[in-house]
Protein backbone atom coordinates (compact mmCIF):
# COMPACT_ATOMS: atom_id res chain seq x y z
CA UNK A 1 69.31 109.22 113.67
CA UNK A 2 72.34 109.87 111.36
CA UNK A 3 75.30 107.41 111.14
CA UNK A 4 78.20 107.91 112.75
CA UNK A 5 81.27 106.95 110.23
CA UNK A 6 84.67 105.80 111.35
CA UNK A 7 87.60 107.31 109.36
CA UNK A 8 90.66 104.57 108.74
CA UNK A 9 93.80 105.89 109.40
CA UNK A 10 95.72 105.18 105.96
CA UNK A 11 98.75 102.78 106.12
CA UNK A 12 100.33 103.45 103.14
CA UNK A 13 101.53 106.30 100.91
CA UNK A 14 102.92 107.34 97.42
CA UNK A 15 106.50 106.52 97.03
CA UNK A 16 108.94 106.86 94.27
CA UNK A 17 109.66 103.61 92.59
CA UNK A 18 111.55 102.11 90.18
CA UNK A 19 108.48 102.83 87.82
CA UNK A 20 107.96 106.05 89.05
CA UNK A 21 105.21 107.33 91.57
CA UNK A 22 103.85 104.19 93.00
CA UNK A 23 101.17 103.96 95.89
CA UNK A 24 102.98 101.42 98.36
CA UNK A 25 100.83 99.90 101.13
CA UNK A 26 102.33 97.67 103.87
CA UNK A 27 100.80 95.16 106.06
CA UNK A 28 101.58 92.66 108.77
CA UNK A 29 99.26 89.84 108.68
CA UNK A 30 98.73 87.20 111.61
CA UNK A 31 99.16 84.56 109.05
CA UNK A 32 101.55 82.30 107.25
CA UNK A 33 102.43 83.08 103.86
CA UNK A 34 100.89 80.22 102.57
CA UNK A 35 97.46 81.07 103.96
CA UNK A 36 97.75 84.80 102.61
CA UNK A 37 98.33 83.56 99.12
CA UNK A 38 95.40 80.87 99.32
CA UNK A 39 93.05 83.90 99.82
CA UNK A 40 95.14 85.94 96.94
CA UNK A 41 94.59 82.82 94.09
CA UNK A 42 91.50 80.39 95.15
CA UNK A 43 88.76 82.06 93.81
CA UNK A 44 86.53 80.49 97.05
CA UNK A 45 88.65 82.56 99.27
CA UNK A 46 89.21 85.81 96.83
CA UNK A 47 85.13 86.63 97.95
CA UNK A 48 87.14 89.52 100.00
CA UNK A 49 88.16 91.39 96.59
CA UNK A 50 85.41 89.68 94.00
CA UNK A 51 85.33 86.97 91.59
CA UNK A 52 87.15 85.73 89.04
CA UNK A 53 86.56 82.95 86.14
CA UNK A 54 89.38 80.99 83.55
CA UNK A 55 91.92 79.05 84.13
CA UNK A 56 95.17 81.52 85.52
CA UNK A 57 97.47 79.19 84.10
CA UNK A 58 96.41 80.61 80.36
CA UNK A 59 98.13 83.92 81.63
CA UNK A 60 94.69 85.43 82.18
CA UNK A 61 91.22 85.38 83.51
CA UNK A 62 87.91 87.40 83.84
CA UNK A 63 88.23 89.58 87.23
CA UNK A 64 85.06 91.32 88.42
CA UNK A 65 85.45 93.33 91.54
CA UNK A 66 83.27 93.41 94.69
CA UNK A 67 82.06 97.04 94.02
CA UNK A 68 81.50 96.64 90.31
CA UNK A 69 80.22 93.02 90.22
CA UNK A 70 78.74 93.55 86.92
CA UNK A 71 81.62 94.78 84.81
CA UNK A 72 84.40 91.89 84.80
CA UNK A 73 87.62 92.62 82.89
CA UNK A 74 90.61 91.07 82.19
CA UNK A 75 93.50 90.21 84.50
CA UNK A 76 96.54 89.28 82.87
CA UNK A 77 98.61 87.64 85.28
CA UNK A 78 102.78 88.49 84.77
CA UNK A 79 104.30 87.10 87.36
CA UNK A 80 103.27 84.22 89.95
CA UNK A 81 105.06 82.86 92.08
CA UNK A 82 103.46 80.77 94.74
CA UNK A 83 103.32 81.91 98.09
CA UNK A 84 105.73 84.98 97.58
CA UNK A 85 105.13 87.01 94.26
CA UNK A 86 102.01 87.87 92.23
CA UNK A 87 101.74 90.70 89.43
CA UNK A 88 98.97 91.10 87.37
CA UNK A 89 97.88 93.75 85.12
CA UNK A 90 94.48 94.62 84.87
CA UNK A 91 91.99 97.74 83.79
CA UNK A 92 90.78 100.50 85.46
CA UNK A 93 87.36 101.54 84.72
CA UNK A 94 88.43 103.71 81.83
CA UNK A 95 90.26 100.88 80.07
CA UNK A 96 93.44 102.18 81.37
CA UNK A 97 96.11 99.48 82.86
CA UNK A 98 96.37 99.27 86.53
CA UNK A 99 99.47 97.12 87.27
CA UNK A 100 99.83 95.64 90.73
CA UNK A 101 102.31 93.97 92.75
CA UNK A 102 101.98 91.77 95.69
CA UNK A 103 104.99 90.67 97.85
CA UNK A 104 104.55 88.10 100.66
CA UNK A 105 107.24 87.29 103.00
CA UNK A 106 107.47 85.23 106.18
CA UNK A 107 107.41 87.97 109.10
CA UNK A 108 110.37 88.13 111.96
CA UNK A 109 108.00 86.93 113.97
CA UNK A 110 107.72 83.60 112.27
CA UNK A 111 104.27 82.76 111.42
CA UNK A 112 102.95 86.34 110.20
CA UNK A 113 103.28 87.39 106.88
CA UNK A 114 104.66 90.83 105.31
CA UNK A 115 102.77 92.08 102.56
CA UNK A 116 103.38 94.90 100.57
CA UNK A 117 101.21 96.24 98.02
CA UNK A 118 102.52 98.35 94.88
CA UNK A 119 100.74 99.81 92.18
CA UNK A 120 102.68 102.09 89.90
CA UNK A 121 100.80 105.29 88.82
CA UNK A 122 102.24 105.66 85.66
CA UNK A 123 99.63 107.75 84.00
CA UNK A 124 97.19 107.71 86.78
CA UNK A 125 99.32 109.97 89.28
CA UNK A 126 96.23 112.62 89.33
CA UNK A 127 94.23 109.99 90.90
CA UNK A 128 96.09 108.55 93.36
CA UNK A 129 93.66 110.19 95.97
CA UNK A 130 91.19 107.79 94.55
CA UNK A 131 92.69 105.06 94.21
CA UNK A 132 94.48 104.53 97.40
CA UNK A 133 91.70 104.74 99.59
CA UNK A 134 90.33 101.86 97.73
CA UNK A 135 93.32 99.66 97.88
CA UNK A 136 93.29 100.15 101.92
CA UNK A 137 89.81 99.03 101.84
CA UNK A 138 90.41 95.96 99.88
CA UNK A 139 93.35 95.19 102.01
CA UNK A 140 91.40 95.67 105.23
CA UNK A 141 88.54 93.44 103.59
CA UNK A 142 91.58 90.45 102.95
CA UNK A 143 92.64 90.98 106.99
CA UNK A 144 88.96 90.57 107.73
CA UNK A 145 88.64 87.43 105.88
CA UNK A 146 91.72 85.66 107.12
CA UNK A 147 90.67 86.10 111.03
CA UNK A 148 87.34 84.61 109.91
CA UNK A 149 85.11 88.36 110.57
CA UNK A 150 82.66 89.31 107.75
CA UNK A 151 84.12 91.21 104.83
CA UNK A 152 80.82 93.06 104.19
CA UNK A 153 81.27 94.93 107.56
CA UNK A 154 84.26 96.91 106.01
CA UNK A 155 82.31 100.12 105.09
CA UNK A 156 83.85 102.05 102.04
CA UNK A 157 82.41 105.17 103.59
CA UNK A 158 85.47 104.95 106.67
CA UNK A 159 87.64 105.18 103.67
CA UNK A 160 86.66 107.67 100.87
CA UNK A 161 86.80 110.44 100.77
CA UNK A 162 88.54 110.83 104.31
CA UNK A 163 91.86 109.21 102.89
CA UNK A 164 91.68 111.47 99.83
CA UNK A 165 93.84 114.01 100.67
CA UNK A 166 96.64 111.99 102.11
CA UNK A 167 96.82 109.81 98.84
CA UNK A 168 96.46 112.93 96.41
CA UNK A 169 99.58 114.66 94.73
CA UNK A 170 100.31 118.79 95.92
CA UNK A 171 98.70 117.93 99.30
CA UNK A 172 100.91 118.13 102.45
CA UNK A 173 99.67 114.20 103.62
CA UNK A 174 100.80 112.66 100.87
CA UNK A 175 103.96 113.95 99.76
CA UNK A 176 106.00 111.56 97.61
CA UNK A 177 108.77 109.43 99.78
CA UNK A 178 111.44 107.55 99.07
């Protein structure tokens, strides 16, 4: 019997940012910023995304994503302001730098967190249709992890290729917005 694949609606877009075209995804998470921060920085809680080895205090760690556990790469920590800002640079599968920006703010609701994820695309704008759905997938895994659910139940097939057109340049679904 063929498997029914649900398709998730994208929550982000490609925007004009200070560093040029940028994937931006905003989420409100039902947890305080300190808890969300722990899931970004604690190696035991980072399992929704992957694993890292090394000492973050050194300024870099070796990071392996869930989808590529046998291919760790250097993750350079540029800004680490607990519990509100994390900026890192890691290499994509081709060795090109990905600058990732995460900011956490206490939401108006008080106990919730407003998360804003940004990835300036620099020379990767043509790859936005491949990159954006991946971040939607990982941020949904983060939400499931925070809620105590099974992150492995989040299926990448629900994001890609269904969201590719939304993030791709030159399609009506992606559009660069201000």
